[in-house]
C-alpha cells in the first residue's frame, strides 16, 4: 500500500470521501432488518446495540448473519468506491469513516453498534489479507477461551501490530485508532471478563 498523503486528493474530495464512508456506515442494518421482519426495535433487547450479536438475541440466526454481512460490506463498499473514484489512497479514510458511522449513526441519535463487523469490512476493502490475520486471531482465542468478546478484542489488537511489522504505517495508525475505539465500545464486556461473568460461546442463559 502506498504512502498516504491525505490532503493530496484535495479538500472537496476529502470531504466527499469522509461523507461517503460515514453515510454508508450509518445505515443501521440490524435495526432495519429486525423492523422489516416484524421483530420490533432491536435496541429494546439485550445490550441495546444494533449489531449482529444483539440481533441474534431475537432468535433469528439468519437475520443476525445478514446483519453481520451487511455491516461488514458497507465499510468494504465505502473503501472500494473511494479508491475507484479518488484513488487508492482514499480507501482507508472512507473505511474509517464507515466504521465511525456504524458506531455513531446519524439516523439513530448517534447510538450504534460496537464496530467489529465494520472493522472487518474495512480490512476487506483496503487490506484483504488482514482479514485472514483477524480470523486466525479470533478463532485461536475463541478456541482457547470460548469468549467471543475477548476474541474480537485480541483480533483487533493484532491487526495494527501486524501492519506495523509489515511497514504499512498509515494503515497501522488508522487501525490502531479503530482498535482503541473498539476497546472503548467493549468497556462493559471487558469489565465482565475481569469479573469472570462474561458469557462464553455456546453457553445459554
Protein backbone atom coordinates (compact mmCIF):
# COMPACT_ATOMS: atom_id res chain seq x y z
CA UNK A 1 0.00 0.00 0.00
CA UNK A 2 1.49 3.38 -0.97
CA UNK A 3 2.30 6.16 1.43
CA UNK A 4 -0.81 8.22 2.05
CA UNK A 5 -0.94 11.98 1.76
CA UNK A 6 -4.49 12.61 2.90
CA UNK A 7 -4.58 16.20 1.68
CA UNK A 8 -3.18 15.36 -1.74
CA UNK A 9 -6.62 14.41 -3.03
CA UNK A 10 -7.89 17.90 -2.24
CA UNK A 11 -10.36 19.20 0.34
CA UNK A 12 -13.52 18.66 -1.77
CA UNK A 13 -12.54 15.05 -2.44
CA UNK A 14 -11.53 14.54 1.19
CA UNK A 15 -14.92 15.78 2.39
CA UNK A 16 -16.66 13.59 -0.20
CA UNK A 17 -14.69 10.52 0.90
CA UNK A 18 -15.45 11.04 4.59
CA UNK A 19 -19.12 11.79 3.88
CA UNK A 20 -19.48 8.71 1.67
CA UNK A 21 -17.94 6.47 4.31
CA UNK A 22 -19.87 7.94 7.21
CA UNK A 23 -23.28 7.82 5.48
CA UNK A 24 -22.78 4.24 4.30
CA UNK A 25 -21.54 3.22 7.73
CA UNK A 26 -24.54 4.89 9.34
CA UNK A 27 -27.03 2.56 7.65
CA UNK A 28 -28.39 0.63 10.69
CA UNK A 29 -28.94 -2.74 9.06
CA UNK A 30 -29.65 -4.54 12.35
CA UNK A 31 -32.36 -2.04 13.19
CA UNK A 32 -33.84 -2.03 9.67
CA UNK A 33 -33.85 -5.81 9.21
CA UNK A 34 -35.46 -6.56 12.57
CA UNK A 35 -38.10 -3.91 11.94
CA UNK A 36 -38.85 -5.36 8.49
CA UNK A 37 -39.09 -8.84 9.98
CA UNK A 38 -41.68 -7.67 12.49
CA UNK A 39 -39.39 -8.26 15.47
CA UNK A 40 -39.67 -4.75 16.84
CA UNK A 41 -36.85 -2.43 17.82
CA UNK A 42 -33.64 -4.42 18.40
CA UNK A 43 -32.45 -1.61 20.67
CA UNK A 44 -35.08 -2.63 23.22
CA UNK A 45 -33.47 -6.01 23.94
CA UNK A 46 -30.15 -7.32 25.21
CA UNK A 47 -27.34 -4.80 25.02
CA UNK A 48 -29.44 -2.30 23.10
CA UNK A 49 -26.95 -2.32 20.24
CA UNK A 50 -27.84 -2.65 16.56
CA UNK A 51 -25.12 -5.18 15.72
CA UNK A 52 -25.38 -8.83 14.75
CA UNK A 53 -24.77 -10.14 18.28
CA UNK A 54 -27.80 -8.32 19.60
CA UNK A 55 -29.89 -9.23 16.55
CA UNK A 56 -29.08 -12.86 17.37
CA UNK A 57 -30.87 -12.36 20.69
CA UNK A 58 -34.13 -12.14 18.73
CA UNK A 59 -33.64 -15.84 18.00
CA UNK A 60 -33.35 -15.28 14.25
CA UNK A 61 -29.96 -16.62 13.20
CA UNK A 62 -30.45 -15.82 9.51
CA UNK A 63 -31.24 -12.21 10.33
CA UNK A 64 -28.16 -12.00 12.55
CA UNK A 65 -25.99 -13.44 9.77
CA UNK A 66 -27.44 -10.95 7.29
CA UNK A 67 -26.74 -8.10 9.70
CA UNK A 68 -23.15 -9.27 10.18
CA UNK A 69 -22.58 -9.47 6.43
CA UNK A 70 -24.18 -6.12 5.61
CA UNK A 71 -22.46 -4.31 8.48
CA UNK A 72 -19.14 -5.55 7.11
CA UNK A 73 -19.89 -4.87 3.45
CA UNK A 74 -20.94 -1.26 3.99
CA UNK A 75 -17.35 -0.47 5.01
CA UNK A 76 -15.98 -2.57 2.16
CA UNK A 77 -18.13 -0.74 -0.38
CA UNK A 78 -17.15 2.64 1.04
CA UNK A 79 -13.45 1.81 0.82
CA UNK A 80 -13.63 0.29 -2.67
CA UNK A 81 -15.75 3.10 -4.14
CA UNK A 82 -13.46 5.74 -2.62
CA UNK A 83 -10.45 4.02 -4.16
CA UNK A 84 -12.07 3.76 -7.57
CA UNK A 85 -13.24 7.37 -7.65
CA UNK A 86 -10.49 9.19 -5.76
CA UNK A 87 -7.58 6.77 -5.89
CA UNK A 88 -6.46 4.00 -3.59
CA UNK A 89 -5.17 6.49 -1.01
CA UNK A 90 -8.78 7.34 -0.15
CA UNK A 91 -9.82 3.80 0.83
CA UNK A 92 -8.53 3.90 4.40
CA UNK A 93 -10.26 7.18 5.12
CA UNK A 94 -13.59 6.01 3.71
CA UNK A 95 -13.36 2.72 5.60
CA UNK A 96 -12.55 4.53 8.84
CA UNK A 97 -15.44 6.93 8.30
CA UNK A 98 -17.78 3.96 7.72
CA UNK A 99 -16.57 2.46 11.00
CA UNK A 100 -17.35 5.72 12.80
CA UNK A 101 -20.72 5.90 11.04
CA UNK A 102 -21.66 2.46 12.33
CA UNK A 103 -20.76 3.40 15.90
CA UNK A 104 -22.48 6.77 15.73
CA UNK A 105 -25.25 6.64 13.09
CA UNK A 106 -26.95 9.95 12.48
CA UNK A 107 -30.26 8.17 11.86
CA UNK A 108 -30.40 6.70 15.38
CA UNK A 109 -29.26 9.60 17.51
CA UNK A 110 -25.60 8.60 17.15
CA UNK A 111 -26.14 5.37 19.11
CA UNK A 112 -24.96 2.38 17.09
CA UNK A 113 -23.07 -0.88 17.33
CA UNK A 114 -19.64 -1.88 18.59
CA UNK A 115 -17.97 -1.94 15.21
CA UNK A 116 -16.29 -5.34 14.89
CA UNK A 117 -18.06 -6.37 11.69
CA UNK A 118 -17.46 -2.96 10.13
CA UNK A 119 -13.80 -3.16 11.18
CA UNK A 120 -13.52 -6.43 9.27
CA UNK A 121 -15.31 -4.94 6.28
CA UNK A 122 -12.87 -2.05 6.19
CA UNK A 123 -9.97 -4.51 6.17
CA UNK A 124 -11.59 -6.43 3.33
CA UNK A 125 -11.72 -3.25 1.27
CA UNK A 126 -8.18 -1.99 1.84
CA UNK A 127 -6.08 -4.97 3.01
CA UNK A 128 -7.85 -8.28 2.32
CA UNK A 129 -5.02 -10.42 3.70
CA UNK A 130 -5.52 -8.80 7.09
CA UNK A 131 -8.95 -10.42 7.23
CA UNK A 132 -7.15 -13.76 7.42
CA UNK A 133 -4.99 -12.45 10.27
CA UNK A 134 -8.13 -11.26 12.05
CA UNK A 135 -9.86 -14.60 11.54
CA UNK A 136 -6.86 -16.58 12.74
CA UNK A 137 -6.51 -14.47 15.88
CA UNK A 138 -10.25 -14.61 16.60
CA UNK A 139 -10.50 -18.37 16.11
CA UNK A 140 -7.38 -19.08 18.18
CA UNK A 141 -8.57 -17.07 21.18
CA UNK A 142 -12.13 -18.37 20.85
CA UNK A 143 -10.89 -21.97 20.80
CA UNK A 144 -8.85 -21.42 23.96
CA UNK A 145 -11.14 -19.17 25.99
CA UNK A 146 -14.64 -19.52 24.46
CA UNK A 147 -15.11 -15.77 24.85
CA UNK A 148 -16.36 -14.06 21.70
CA UNK A 149 -15.72 -10.55 23.01
CA UNK A 150 -12.15 -11.34 24.06
CA UNK A 151 -11.53 -12.98 20.69
CA UNK A 152 -12.67 -9.85 18.88
CA UNK A 153 -10.57 -7.58 21.09
CA UNK A 154 -7.40 -9.64 20.60
CA UNK A 155 -8.03 -9.80 16.84
CA UNK A 156 -8.41 -6.03 16.55
CA UNK A 157 -5.24 -5.61 18.60
CA UNK A 158 -3.32 -7.97 16.33
CA UNK A 159 -4.13 -6.05 13.15
CA UNK A 160 -2.19 -2.81 13.76
CA UNK A 161 0.70 -4.79 15.24
CA UNK A 162 0.99 -6.92 12.11
CA UNK A 163 0.65 -3.86 9.88
CA UNK A 164 3.43 -2.08 11.79
CA UNK A 165 5.66 -5.15 11.40
CA UNK A 166 4.93 -5.17 7.66
CA UNK A 167 5.83 -1.49 7.45
CA UNK A 168 2.37 -0.30 6.43
CA UNK A 169 2.46 2.60 8.86
CA UNK A 170 -0.55 4.58 7.63
CA UNK A 171 -2.89 1.59 7.80
CA UNK A 172 -1.38 0.63 11.17
CA UNK A 173 -2.07 4.13 12.51
CA UNK A 174 -5.70 4.16 11.42
CA UNK A 175 -6.40 0.62 12.61
CA UNK A 176 -4.73 1.48 15.92
CA UNK A 177 -7.30 4.24 16.35
CA UNK A 178 -10.08 1.82 15.38
CA UNK A 179 -8.78 -0.74 17.87
CA UNK A 180 -8.70 1.82 20.67
CA UNK A 181 -12.28 2.84 19.87
CA UNK A 182 -13.34 -0.82 19.74
CA UNK A 183 -11.88 -1.41 23.20
CA UNK A 184 -13.77 1.62 24.48
CA UNK A 185 -17.02 0.35 22.97
CA UNK A 186 -16.42 -3.00 24.67
CA UNK A 187 -15.89 -1.46 28.10
CA UNK A 188 -18.77 -3.40 29.66
CA UNK A 189 -17.50 -6.66 28.15
CA UNK A 190 -14.02 -6.01 29.50
CA UNK A 191 -15.42 -5.38 32.97
CA UNK A 192 -17.34 -8.66 32.81
CA UNK A 193 -14.24 -10.50 31.56
CA UNK A 194 -12.27 -9.21 34.53
CA UNK A 195 -15.10 -10.15 36.89
CA UNK A 196 -15.46 -13.58 35.29
CA UNK A 197 -19.10 -13.01 34.42
CA UNK A 198 -18.83 -12.64 30.63
CA UNK A 199 -20.89 -15.21 28.71
CA UNK A 200 -18.98 -17.86 26.81
CA UNK A 201 -19.66 -19.06 23.29
CA UNK A 202 -22.37 -21.71 23.27
CA UNK A 203 -23.44 -21.02 26.84
CA UNK A 204 -27.15 -20.37 27.29
CA UNK A 205 -28.62 -18.20 29.99
